[in-house]
C-alpha cells in the first residue's frame, strides 16, 4: 500500500533541459551524417535475410548494426566489441544510429560480424566504393600499389619450418630402413619372410609393413605389456618402434600439406600465417614473426582493392591483386604504379598480356638511374661491345662464346638465360676488376628480353608522367598505410585465418574510405 504520495524524487531538473530531438545536439558537420548519406544509397536487403523467429527475443536490425560497426571503423580504425557496446550506451551519435533500438551486447556484434559479414563484407565494400567513386569521379586507370606486413594473431614461438620437416622425414626414412634390416635378421629370417626396403616410405606402405609383420609372427597387440616390472619382448619393441616412426611420418606429412608448395613455414595457431620479417620488431633482434602480407590498390586516395596473402614477397602478390581489381571493376588499370618489390620478369609480361603499362621499378632501378659509376661500369656484361657477328667483346678485346641456355627456377613464362664464357682470361690486365673468380674464364648470364624491358621501365619512370606517378604513389599508398598503421595504431591482427583476416582488413578499408570521403566533402564545403 502506498503510504507516501511524494513524487518529487522521480525526476531531476536536467530532464526538462534535454531536447527531445537528438539531431539538434549533433553538429551538422559530424561524420555520422556522411555515413548515413552513403549507406542510404546502398540496398542492404540482399545481404541480410530476416528469419521468422516466433520465440525468443526480437532480432536486432541488421542495417543499424552494420552502420554502427562501420561508423566505429570510420572513427577509430579498429575497436573492441566491448567498446562498441559501451559507445552505443554513452555516445549520442550511436544512439542516433540505433534509432530507438536497444543497444546490442558485444556478443551480438561478434556473432553478427562472424555469421553475417564474413561472406558479404567484400560486396558491401564494393557498393560503398561505387557510390563514393561516382560522387568523387575517381580515376580507376591510375592505381598506386603497396603492401605491408602486419603481425598475425598467432603465438610467436609456434613455427613449423618446411625444410626442417623434410630433413627430419629423411632421417626417419633411414631409421625405418635400419629397423627393417633388424626385423629381417632377428625375427623374420627364421620364418622365411622378408620385408622390402625402399629409399622413401609412404604412410600406406609403413602401415602395410606393420600389418604384414603382425601376421607373420602372429603378434597380439592386446597382450602388450608396459610399466615397471614388465619386460617387453623383441617383437613388441620392434612393432612399437615402427609405430612411432609411422606417427612421425604422419605428423610431417600434415605439416608439409598445410605449408604447401609456395611457403616455407606456418604457425601452429594460425595455419594461414607465415613467418616473415616485419618492420616493427619489438624483440630488437630481427626475429621472424607470424604475419600476413596486406596488399592495397589506391585510386585518388581511396582504397579500391585489398588482399591478404601469406607470401613474404610482394612479387607473388601483384597478379592476384590485379585479378581482383579486374573482377571488381571489369577492367585492368592502365597505369599500375609500384615500388621495386613488384618489378619482376613475370609481372612485366603479365602487364603486357593485359594491356597495362610498365610503371613498376625493378630491384636495381636506383643504382641504374642514380649511380653513374655502376651504370657506366665497363665490366658489366650489358655494357660490353659487340662485333659484326653480334658476339660480346670484353674490354680486353676477347670474345665471349655462347655455351647454353639455362631455365630460371619457378618462372611461369619459361624464362631462360644465355650463358657466355670468355675465350681466354689468362694474363688479362683487367682480371682483378672484371672477373671475381681466381681461376678459369669469366662467365656471364644475359637475358636480352629482360634487359629491353628494364630500359622501357626506366624510360617510363623518368618521363614527366612517370615522375608525377612516382610522387603520387609515395603520397597516396604510403600515406594510406601511414594513417591505418600509425595514426590509428593498427599494428596487429585480431582474427585468425585468411578469410577472417580479409574480413577484418575489408572493414578497416570501408572505414578508411568513409573517413576520407567525409574529410574531402567537409573540406570542399568549407572552401566553398
Protein backbone atom coordinates (compact mmCIF):
# COMPACT_ATOMS: atom_id res chain seq x y z
CA UNK A 1 0.00 0.00 0.00
CA UNK A 2 1.39 3.46 -1.00
CA UNK A 3 1.85 5.46 2.19
CA UNK A 4 3.77 8.42 0.79
CA UNK A 5 2.48 10.33 -2.24
CA UNK A 6 5.59 12.49 -2.62
CA UNK A 7 6.89 12.05 -6.21
CA UNK A 8 9.48 14.80 -6.23
CA UNK A 9 12.36 12.28 -6.22
CA UNK A 10 11.26 10.68 -9.51
CA UNK A 11 12.67 13.42 -11.78
CA UNK A 12 15.51 15.91 -11.94
CA UNK A 13 15.69 19.42 -13.40
CA UNK A 14 18.11 18.19 -16.11
CA UNK A 15 15.35 16.15 -17.73
CA UNK A 16 13.49 19.30 -18.67
CA UNK A 17 16.60 20.71 -20.41
CA UNK A 18 17.40 17.71 -22.67
CA UNK A 19 15.98 18.22 -26.19
CA UNK A 20 13.63 15.57 -27.48
CA UNK A 21 15.27 15.63 -30.93
CA UNK A 22 18.80 14.18 -30.88
CA UNK A 23 19.67 15.79 -34.20
CA UNK A 24 19.71 19.20 -32.51
CA UNK A 25 22.67 18.13 -30.37
CA UNK A 26 24.81 16.52 -33.12
CA UNK A 27 26.82 19.01 -35.13
CA UNK A 28 25.77 19.40 -38.75
CA UNK A 29 29.29 18.52 -39.98
CA UNK A 30 29.56 15.33 -37.91
CA UNK A 31 30.79 12.18 -39.74
CA UNK A 32 27.63 10.30 -38.76
CA UNK A 33 25.65 12.20 -41.39
CA UNK A 34 28.21 11.30 -44.08
CA UNK A 35 27.87 7.65 -43.11
CA UNK A 36 24.08 7.82 -43.32
CA UNK A 37 24.29 9.53 -46.71
CA UNK A 38 26.42 6.71 -48.16
CA UNK A 39 24.54 3.83 -46.54
CA UNK A 40 21.13 5.19 -47.54
CA UNK A 41 22.14 4.83 -51.19
CA UNK A 42 23.04 1.14 -50.79
CA UNK A 43 20.49 -1.67 -50.92
CA UNK A 44 21.36 -3.93 -47.99
CA UNK A 45 18.31 -6.18 -48.21
CA UNK A 46 20.12 -8.67 -50.48
CA UNK A 47 22.79 -9.30 -47.83
CA UNK A 48 20.67 -9.78 -44.72
CA UNK A 49 17.76 -12.20 -44.85
CA UNK A 50 15.33 -11.74 -41.98
CA UNK A 51 14.47 -15.02 -40.25
CA UNK A 52 10.99 -15.66 -38.91
CA UNK A 53 11.57 -16.40 -35.25
CA UNK A 54 8.37 -16.66 -33.21
CA UNK A 55 10.17 -17.39 -29.94
CA UNK A 56 12.96 -15.67 -28.06
CA UNK A 57 13.94 -12.03 -28.00
CA UNK A 58 13.38 -9.76 -31.02
CA UNK A 59 16.12 -9.86 -33.63
CA UNK A 60 18.41 -6.80 -33.86
CA UNK A 61 18.11 -4.74 -37.03
CA UNK A 62 20.99 -5.79 -39.31
CA UNK A 63 21.11 -2.45 -41.15
CA UNK A 64 21.52 -0.49 -37.92
CA UNK A 65 24.18 -2.86 -36.60
CA UNK A 66 26.15 -2.58 -39.84
CA UNK A 67 26.00 1.23 -39.66
CA UNK A 68 27.27 1.18 -36.07
CA UNK A 69 30.15 -1.16 -36.95
CA UNK A 70 31.18 0.86 -40.00
CA UNK A 71 30.92 4.13 -38.05
CA UNK A 72 33.22 2.69 -35.39
CA UNK A 73 35.79 1.70 -38.01
CA UNK A 74 35.33 5.09 -39.66
CA UNK A 75 36.15 6.99 -36.48
CA UNK A 76 38.61 4.75 -34.67
CA UNK A 77 40.04 2.48 -37.35
CA UNK A 78 39.76 -0.56 -35.06
CA UNK A 79 37.85 -1.03 -31.83
CA UNK A 80 36.98 -3.86 -29.48
CA UNK A 81 33.45 -5.26 -29.37
CA UNK A 82 33.04 -4.23 -25.73
CA UNK A 83 33.99 -0.68 -26.64
CA UNK A 84 31.34 -0.67 -29.40
CA UNK A 85 28.74 -1.77 -26.84
CA UNK A 86 29.88 0.98 -24.47
CA UNK A 87 29.65 3.62 -27.22
CA UNK A 88 26.10 2.53 -28.02
CA UNK A 89 25.14 3.24 -24.42
CA UNK A 90 27.04 6.51 -23.91
CA UNK A 91 27.64 8.25 -27.28
CA UNK A 92 24.65 10.20 -28.59
CA UNK A 93 25.68 9.65 -32.23
CA UNK A 94 25.45 5.89 -31.77
CA UNK A 95 22.03 6.37 -30.17
CA UNK A 96 21.06 8.32 -33.26
CA UNK A 97 22.11 5.36 -35.45
CA UNK A 98 20.25 2.92 -33.18
CA UNK A 99 17.06 4.98 -33.74
CA UNK A 100 15.22 3.65 -30.71
CA UNK A 101 16.65 0.13 -30.81
CA UNK A 102 18.11 -1.23 -27.59
CA UNK A 103 21.91 -1.24 -27.51
CA UNK A 104 23.14 -4.74 -28.58
CA UNK A 105 25.68 -6.58 -26.44
CA UNK A 106 29.27 -7.18 -27.50
CA UNK A 107 28.43 -10.86 -28.18
CA UNK A 108 25.65 -9.80 -30.56
CA UNK A 109 28.09 -7.65 -32.51
CA UNK A 110 30.59 -10.51 -32.60
CA UNK A 111 28.05 -13.02 -33.88
CA UNK A 112 26.83 -10.53 -36.49
CA UNK A 113 30.34 -9.92 -37.85
CA UNK A 114 31.24 -13.61 -37.82
CA UNK A 115 27.99 -15.01 -39.24
CA UNK A 116 26.64 -12.23 -41.47
CA UNK A 117 29.60 -10.17 -42.69
CA UNK A 118 32.16 -12.88 -43.46
CA UNK A 119 30.60 -13.67 -46.83
CA UNK A 120 29.05 -10.28 -47.66
CA UNK A 121 31.51 -7.62 -46.49
CA UNK A 122 33.55 -7.59 -49.72
CA UNK A 123 30.44 -6.89 -51.81
CA UNK A 124 29.33 -4.22 -49.33
CA UNK A 125 32.79 -2.67 -49.69
CA UNK A 126 32.30 -2.62 -53.48
CA UNK A 127 28.89 -0.95 -53.09
CA UNK A 128 30.31 1.72 -50.78
CA UNK A 129 33.14 2.37 -53.24
CA UNK A 130 30.70 2.56 -56.17
CA UNK A 131 28.81 5.42 -54.55
CA UNK A 132 31.91 7.28 -53.34
CA UNK A 133 33.78 6.83 -56.63
CA UNK A 134 30.77 8.09 -58.56
CA UNK A 135 30.48 11.17 -56.35
CA UNK A 136 34.21 11.93 -56.40
CA UNK A 137 34.81 10.94 -60.06
CA UNK A 138 37.67 8.64 -59.06
CA UNK A 139 40.13 7.70 -61.80
CA UNK A 140 40.40 3.89 -61.91
CA UNK A 141 43.01 3.84 -64.69
CA UNK A 142 45.81 5.06 -62.41
CA UNK A 143 46.34 2.91 -59.34
CA UNK A 144 49.09 3.01 -56.74
CA UNK A 145 50.03 -0.35 -55.25
CA UNK A 146 51.76 -1.06 -51.97
CA UNK A 147 51.88 -3.72 -49.32
CA UNK A 148 52.73 -4.01 -45.67
CA UNK A 149 53.35 -6.93 -43.34
CA UNK A 150 51.10 -6.98 -40.27
CA UNK A 151 51.69 -9.41 -37.42
CA UNK A 152 49.13 -12.20 -37.20
CA UNK A 153 47.12 -13.07 -34.10
CA UNK A 154 49.26 -16.14 -33.50
CA UNK A 155 51.69 -17.26 -30.85
CA UNK A 156 55.22 -16.18 -31.67
CA UNK A 157 57.03 -19.45 -30.96
CA UNK A 158 54.75 -21.91 -32.78
CA UNK A 159 56.67 -22.10 -36.03
CA UNK A 160 56.83 -25.09 -38.36
CA UNK A 161 59.66 -24.99 -40.89
CA UNK A 162 59.21 -26.84 -44.16
CA UNK A 163 62.91 -27.61 -44.69
CA UNK A 164 63.24 -28.91 -41.16
CA UNK A 165 60.28 -31.26 -41.71
CA UNK A 166 61.82 -32.62 -44.93
CA UNK A 167 65.19 -33.07 -43.24
CA UNK A 168 63.72 -34.92 -40.25
CA UNK A 169 61.48 -37.04 -42.50
CA UNK A 170 64.55 -38.22 -44.42
CA UNK A 171 66.15 -39.20 -41.12
CA UNK A 172 63.06 -41.24 -40.30
CA UNK A 173 63.35 -43.00 -43.68
CA UNK A 174 66.90 -44.06 -42.76
CA UNK A 175 65.78 -45.30 -39.34
CA UNK A 176 62.95 -47.32 -40.91
CA UNK A 177 65.44 -48.98 -43.26
CA UNK A 178 67.68 -49.91 -40.33
CA UNK A 179 64.69 -51.26 -38.40
CA UNK A 180 63.59 -53.37 -41.38
CA UNK A 181 67.10 -54.89 -41.54
CA UNK A 182 66.85 -55.71 -37.83
CA UNK A 183 63.39 -57.28 -38.27
CA UNK A 184 64.54 -59.38 -41.18
CA UNK A 185 67.73 -60.62 -39.48
CA UNK A 186 66.49 -61.18 -35.93
CA UNK A 187 62.89 -62.38 -36.42
CA UNK A 188 61.61 -62.87 -39.96
CA UNK A 189 64.61 -64.79 -41.37
CA UNK A 190 63.58 -67.83 -39.29
CA UNK A 191 60.11 -67.72 -40.89
CA UNK A 192 61.41 -67.34 -44.48
CA UNK A 193 59.74 -63.91 -44.66
CA UNK A 194 61.45 -60.70 -45.74
CA UNK A 195 60.27 -57.09 -45.67
CA UNK A 196 61.29 -54.91 -48.62
CA UNK A 197 63.31 -51.74 -48.09
CA UNK A 198 62.90 -48.50 -50.05
CA UNK A 199 64.61 -45.14 -50.31
CA UNK A 200 61.41 -43.33 -49.29
CA UNK A 201 58.43 -44.70 -47.40
CA UNK A 202 54.82 -43.73 -47.91
CA UNK A 203 52.44 -43.85 -44.96
CA UNK A 204 50.34 -46.60 -46.56
CA UNK A 205 53.44 -48.71 -47.15
CA UNK A 206 54.58 -48.42 -43.50
CA UNK A 207 51.07 -49.39 -42.35
CA UNK A 208 51.25 -52.43 -44.65
CA UNK A 209 54.66 -53.32 -43.17
CA UNK A 210 53.20 -53.29 -39.67
CA UNK A 211 50.26 -55.43 -40.75
CA UNK A 212 52.48 -57.99 -42.51
CA UNK A 213 54.88 -58.14 -39.56
CA UNK A 214 51.98 -58.72 -37.17
CA UNK A 215 50.51 -61.52 -39.31
CA UNK A 216 53.88 -63.21 -39.91
CA UNK A 217 54.64 -63.70 -36.19
CA UNK A 218 51.01 -63.92 -35.00
CA UNK A 219 51.50 -60.90 -32.76
CA UNK A 220 48.61 -59.96 -30.44
CA UNK A 221 48.65 -56.22 -29.75
CA UNK A 222 46.15 -56.58 -26.93
CA UNK A 223 48.72 -58.56 -24.88
CA UNK A 224 51.41 -55.85 -24.98
CA UNK A 225 52.91 -55.07 -21.57
CA UNK A 226 54.05 -51.74 -20.17
CA UNK A 227 55.20 -50.15 -16.93
CA UNK A 228 57.71 -51.06 -14.27
CA UNK A 229 58.30 -54.73 -13.65
CA UNK A 230 57.34 -55.83 -17.17
CA UNK A 231 59.88 -56.78 -19.80
CA UNK A 232 58.90 -56.16 -23.42
CA UNK A 233 59.55 -58.87 -25.96
CA UNK A 234 61.69 -58.16 -29.00
CA UNK A 235 58.56 -58.42 -31.16
CA UNK A 236 56.75 -55.76 -29.15
CA UNK A 237 59.78 -53.45 -29.18
CA UNK A 238 60.15 -53.65 -32.96
CA UNK A 239 56.41 -53.24 -33.56
CA UNK A 240 56.11 -50.19 -31.28
CA UNK A 241 59.27 -48.63 -32.72
CA UNK A 242 57.81 -48.90 -36.22
CA UNK A 243 54.55 -47.42 -34.91
CA UNK A 244 56.48 -44.43 -33.56
CA UNK A 245 58.09 -43.87 -36.95
CA UNK A 246 54.67 -44.12 -38.60
CA UNK A 247 53.24 -41.40 -36.32
CA UNK A 248 56.18 -39.15 -37.10
CA UNK A 249 55.66 -39.64 -40.84
CA UNK A 250 52.00 -38.69 -40.44
CA UNK A 251 52.97 -35.58 -38.49
CA UNK A 252 55.49 -34.47 -41.13
CA UNK A 253 53.02 -35.19 -43.94
CA UNK A 254 50.42 -32.99 -42.24
CA UNK A 255 52.94 -30.17 -41.76
CA UNK A 256 54.01 -30.29 -45.42
CA UNK A 257 50.39 -30.36 -46.59
CA UNK A 258 49.49 -27.27 -44.54
CA UNK A 259 52.65 -25.48 -45.64
CA UNK A 260 52.02 -26.12 -49.35
CA UNK A 261 54.40 -25.64 -52.24
CA UNK A 262 54.76 -21.84 -52.12
CA UNK A 263 55.51 -21.36 -48.41
CA UNK A 264 58.43 -22.36 -46.22
CA UNK A 265 56.76 -22.01 -42.81
CA UNK A 266 53.48 -21.57 -40.95
CA UNK A 267 52.22 -21.06 -37.42
CA UNK A 268 50.56 -23.83 -35.43
CA UNK A 269 47.97 -21.42 -34.01
CA UNK A 270 47.17 -19.81 -37.38
CA UNK A 271 47.87 -22.14 -40.28
CA UNK A 272 47.49 -19.37 -42.88
CA UNK A 273 50.12 -17.12 -41.27
CA UNK A 274 53.73 -17.28 -42.47
CA UNK A 275 56.82 -16.25 -40.54
CA UNK A 276 58.29 -13.08 -42.03
CA UNK A 277 60.48 -10.16 -41.10
CA UNK A 278 58.38 -7.11 -40.32
CA UNK A 279 59.41 -3.51 -39.76
CA UNK A 280 58.01 -3.37 -36.23
CA UNK A 281 60.30 -5.83 -34.46
CA UNK A 282 59.75 -5.32 -30.74
CA UNK A 283 62.21 -8.12 -29.93
CA UNK A 284 65.01 -5.99 -31.37
CA UNK A 285 66.86 -8.98 -32.85
CA UNK A 286 65.42 -9.18 -36.38
CA UNK A 287 63.28 -12.14 -35.37
CA UNK A 288 60.82 -13.82 -37.74
CA UNK A 289 57.22 -13.26 -36.66
CA UNK A 290 53.93 -14.78 -37.94
CA UNK A 291 52.38 -12.23 -40.31
CA UNK A 292 50.28 -11.59 -43.41
CA UNK A 293 51.26 -9.50 -46.42
CA UNK A 294 48.45 -6.96 -46.73
CA UNK A 295 48.09 -5.51 -50.24
CA UNK A 296 46.15 -2.41 -51.27
CA UNK A 297 45.43 -0.71 -54.58
CA UNK A 298 44.85 3.04 -54.12
CA UNK A 299 42.97 5.26 -56.58
CA UNK A 300 42.74 9.00 -55.87
CA UNK A 301 43.47 8.42 -52.15
CA UNK A 302 40.73 5.76 -51.83
CA UNK A 303 41.33 2.06 -51.31
CA UNK A 304 39.96 0.37 -54.44
CA UNK A 305 41.01 -3.24 -53.82
CA UNK A 306 42.56 -5.05 -50.85
CA UNK A 307 44.00 -8.52 -50.44
CA UNK A 308 45.85 -10.56 -47.82
CA UNK A 309 48.41 -13.21 -48.76
CA UNK A 310 50.72 -15.46 -46.73
CA UNK A 311 53.70 -14.70 -49.00
CA UNK A 312 56.64 -12.61 -47.84
CA UNK A 313 57.47 -11.39 -51.36
CA UNK A 314 55.38 -8.63 -52.94
CA UNK A 315 56.12 -10.05 -56.40
CA UNK A 316 53.83 -13.02 -55.78
CA UNK A 317 51.00 -10.75 -54.58
CA UNK A 318 50.81 -8.47 -57.64
CA UNK A 319 48.93 -10.74 -60.05
CA UNK A 320 46.22 -11.87 -57.57
CA UNK A 321 45.62 -8.22 -56.65
CA UNK A 322 45.24 -7.19 -60.31
CA UNK A 323 42.90 -10.13 -60.97
CA UNK A 324 40.78 -8.99 -58.05
CA UNK A 325 40.81 -5.43 -59.45
CA UNK A 326 39.59 -6.73 -62.82
CA UNK A 327 36.87 -8.87 -61.21
CA UNK A 328 35.65 -5.85 -59.21
CA UNK A 329 35.70 -3.08 -61.81
CA UNK A 330 35.60 -5.00 -65.10
CA UNK A 331 38.99 -3.85 -66.40
CA UNK A 332 42.66 -3.75 -65.53
CA UNK A 333 44.26 -0.43 -64.56
CA UNK A 334 46.20 1.20 -67.39
CA UNK A 335 48.95 2.54 -65.14
CA UNK A 336 49.77 0.29 -62.15
CA UNK A 337 52.49 2.12 -60.19
CA UNK A 338 54.50 0.18 -57.60
CA UNK A 339 57.91 0.13 -55.95
CA UNK A 340 60.84 -2.17 -56.65
CA UNK A 341 59.30 -5.04 -54.69
CA UNK A 342 56.87 -5.76 -57.56
CA UNK A 343 59.16 -5.49 -60.60
CA UNK A 344 59.89 -8.95 -61.98
CA UNK A 345 60.00 -10.67 -65.35
CA UNK A 346 56.73 -12.48 -64.64
CA UNK A 347 54.89 -9.31 -63.64
CA UNK A 348 56.18 -7.32 -66.61
CA UNK A 349 54.98 -9.96 -69.07
CA UNK A 350 51.69 -10.17 -67.17
CA UNK A 351 51.24 -6.42 -67.70
CA UNK A 352 51.89 -6.84 -71.43
CA UNK A 353 49.28 -9.62 -71.66
CA UNK A 354 46.56 -7.47 -70.03
CA UNK A 355 47.27 -4.08 -71.61
CA UNK A 356 48.94 -2.46 -68.60
CA UNK A 357 51.87 -0.09 -68.86
CA UNK A 358 55.10 -0.89 -67.02
CA UNK A 359 55.49 1.64 -64.21
CA UNK A 360 56.91 -0.72 -61.59
CA UNK A 361 60.51 -0.31 -60.52
CA UNK A 362 62.87 -3.29 -60.51
CA UNK A 363 65.42 -4.28 -57.90
CA UNK A 364 68.44 -2.39 -59.28
CA UNK A 365 66.46 0.63 -60.51
CA UNK A 366 68.03 3.14 -58.10
CA UNK A 367 71.59 2.04 -58.95
CA UNK A 368 70.83 2.04 -62.66
CA UNK A 369 69.46 5.58 -62.65
CA UNK A 370 71.37 7.36 -59.87
CA UNK A 371 74.74 5.60 -59.60
CA UNK A 372 76.75 6.65 -62.66
CA UNK A 373 79.74 4.51 -61.69
CA UNK A 374 77.55 1.39 -61.69
CA UNK A 375 75.58 2.40 -64.79
CA UNK A 376 78.66 3.03 -66.96
CA UNK A 377 80.79 0.26 -65.47
CA UNK A 378 82.75 -1.15 -68.48
CA UNK A 379 82.98 -4.58 -66.88
CA UNK A 380 79.21 -5.13 -66.76
CA UNK A 381 78.04 -7.57 -69.43
CA UNK A 382 75.28 -5.21 -70.64
CA UNK A 383 77.96 -2.59 -71.41
CA UNK A 384 80.16 -4.93 -73.47
CA UNK A 385 80.59 -4.10 -77.13
CA UNK A 386 79.55 -6.47 -79.91
CA UNK A 387 81.36 -7.33 -83.11
CA UNK A 388 79.82 -7.61 -86.56
CA UNK A 389 78.58 -11.14 -85.83
CA UNK A 390 76.90 -9.98 -82.60
CA UNK A 391 79.41 -11.60 -80.25
CA UNK A 392 80.19 -9.96 -76.91
CA UNK A 393 83.62 -8.35 -76.70
CA UNK A 394 85.20 -7.64 -73.28
CA UNK A 395 87.42 -4.59 -72.52
CA UNK A 396 90.48 -6.77 -73.36
CA UNK A 397 89.02 -7.45 -76.84
CA UNK A 398 88.34 -11.09 -76.06
CA UNK A 399 85.26 -12.77 -77.48
CA UNK A 400 82.61 -14.43 -75.31
CA UNK A 401 81.45 -17.80 -76.63
CA UNK A 402 77.86 -18.95 -76.22
CA UNK A 403 77.64 -22.06 -74.01
CA UNK A 404 73.98 -22.90 -73.28
CA UNK A 405 70.55 -21.69 -72.18
CA UNK A 406 69.54 -22.20 -68.55
CA UNK A 407 65.96 -22.24 -67.29
CA UNK A 408 65.10 -19.95 -64.38
CA UNK A 409 63.60 -21.78 -61.40
CA UNK A 410 59.87 -21.20 -60.75
CA UNK A 411 59.33 -18.93 -63.75
CA UNK A 412 55.82 -19.28 -65.15
CA UNK A 413 56.68 -17.81 -68.58
CA UNK A 414 59.60 -20.14 -69.27
CA UNK A 415 62.29 -17.52 -68.77
CA UNK A 416 65.79 -18.66 -69.78
CA UNK A 417 69.21 -17.05 -69.51
CA UNK A 418 72.00 -17.28 -72.06
CA UNK A 419 75.35 -18.38 -70.62
CA UNK A 420 78.50 -16.99 -72.24
CA UNK A 421 82.15 -17.76 -71.42
CA UNK A 422 85.23 -15.74 -72.32
CA UNK A 423 87.54 -17.48 -74.75
CA UNK A 424 90.66 -16.75 -72.66
CA UNK A 425 91.13 -14.73 -69.45
CA UNK A 426 94.75 -15.79 -68.91
CA UNK A 427 97.09 -12.83 -68.49
CA UNK A 428 94.28 -10.27 -68.75
CA UNK A 429 95.32 -6.93 -67.17
CA UNK A 430 91.69 -6.27 -66.13
CA UNK A 431 91.11 -9.64 -64.48
CA UNK A 432 91.05 -8.32 -60.89
CA UNK A 433 88.29 -5.84 -61.76
CA UNK A 434 86.43 -7.86 -64.38
CA UNK A 435 86.40 -11.44 -63.05
CA UNK A 436 85.79 -12.35 -59.43
CA UNK A 437 86.95 -15.93 -59.92
CA UNK A 438 90.56 -16.69 -59.07
CA UNK A 439 90.83 -19.36 -61.79
CA UNK A 440 89.15 -20.20 -65.07
CA UNK A 441 87.45 -17.91 -67.55
CA UNK A 442 84.69 -15.44 -66.74
CA UNK A 443 81.09 -16.44 -67.46
CA UNK A 444 78.17 -14.03 -67.83
CA UNK A 445 74.38 -14.50 -67.88
CA UNK A 446 72.22 -12.45 -70.21
CA UNK A 447 68.52 -12.14 -70.88
CA UNK A 448 68.05 -9.73 -73.75
CA UNK A 449 64.28 -9.55 -73.36
CA UNK A 450 64.54 -8.60 -69.67
CA UNK A 451 67.22 -6.02 -70.48
CA UNK A 452 64.93 -4.37 -73.03
CA UNK A 453 62.07 -4.39 -70.51
CA UNK A 454 64.28 -2.65 -67.94
CA UNK A 455 65.14 0.04 -70.49
CA UNK A 456 61.43 0.55 -71.19
CA UNK A 457 60.66 0.82 -67.45
CA UNK A 458 63.45 3.38 -66.98
CA UNK A 459 62.13 5.47 -69.89
CA UNK A 460 58.59 5.33 -68.48
CA UNK A 461 59.55 6.31 -64.95
CA UNK A 462 61.99 9.05 -65.97
CA UNK A 463 59.40 10.80 -68.11
CA UNK A 464 57.37 13.70 -66.69
CA UNK A 465 54.29 11.48 -66.42
CA UNK A 466 56.30 8.75 -64.68
CA UNK A 467 57.85 11.20 -62.20
CA UNK A 468 54.40 12.52 -61.27
CA UNK A 469 53.08 8.98 -60.82
CA UNK A 470 56.01 8.02 -58.57
CA UNK A 471 55.45 11.14 -56.48
CA UNK A 472 51.74 10.38 -56.17
CA UNK A 473 52.46 6.77 -55.21
CA UNK A 474 54.65 7.83 -52.30
CA UNK A 475 51.93 10.24 -51.16
CA UNK A 476 48.85 8.08 -51.62
CA UNK A 477 49.88 4.48 -50.97
CA UNK A 478 52.45 5.21 -48.26
CA UNK A 479 50.10 7.79 -46.75
CA UNK A 480 47.23 5.31 -46.62
CA UNK A 481 49.21 2.75 -44.65
CA UNK A 482 50.65 5.54 -42.51
CA UNK A 483 47.16 6.58 -41.41
CA UNK A 484 45.98 2.99 -40.86
CA UNK A 485 49.06 1.70 -39.02
CA UNK A 486 50.39 4.72 -37.14
CA UNK A 487 47.62 7.29 -36.80
CA UNK A 488 45.08 4.60 -35.92
CA UNK A 489 47.51 2.18 -34.21
CA UNK A 490 46.57 -0.85 -36.32
CA UNK A 491 49.72 -2.92 -35.99
CA UNK A 492 48.47 -6.41 -35.14
CA UNK A 493 45.60 -8.51 -36.43
CA UNK A 494 42.72 -9.50 -34.16
CA UNK A 495 41.39 -12.50 -36.11
CA UNK A 496 42.89 -15.77 -37.29
CA UNK A 497 42.70 -17.42 -40.69
CA UNK A 498 42.93 -15.88 -44.16
CA UNK A 499 39.16 -15.39 -44.57
CA UNK A 500 38.82 -13.72 -41.16
CA UNK A 501 41.86 -11.51 -41.88
CA UNK A 502 40.34 -10.36 -45.19
CA UNK A 503 37.08 -9.63 -43.32
CA UNK A 504 38.93 -7.52 -40.76
CA UNK A 505 41.01 -5.63 -43.32
CA UNK A 506 37.95 -5.00 -45.50
CA UNK A 507 36.12 -3.44 -42.54
CA UNK A 508 39.13 -1.21 -41.93
CA UNK A 509 39.18 -0.25 -45.63
CA UNK A 510 35.45 0.59 -45.53
CA UNK A 511 36.02 2.81 -42.52
CA UNK A 512 39.05 4.44 -44.14
CA UNK A 513 37.20 5.27 -47.37
CA UNK A 514 34.24 6.71 -45.44
CA UNK A 515 36.65 8.74 -43.31
CA UNK A 516 38.46 10.04 -46.41
CA UNK A 517 35.18 10.83 -48.18
CA UNK A 518 33.92 12.82 -45.19
CA UNK A 519 37.17 14.80 -44.93
CA UNK A 520 37.16 15.66 -48.64
CA UNK A 521 33.49 16.58 -48.59
CA UNK A 522 33.85 18.73 -45.46
CA UNK A 523 37.00 20.40 -46.84
CA UNK A 524 35.22 21.20 -50.11
CA UNK A 525 32.22 22.69 -48.29
CA UNK A 526 34.50 24.91 -46.16
CA UNK A 527 36.37 26.13 -49.26
CA UNK A 528 33.07 26.93 -50.99
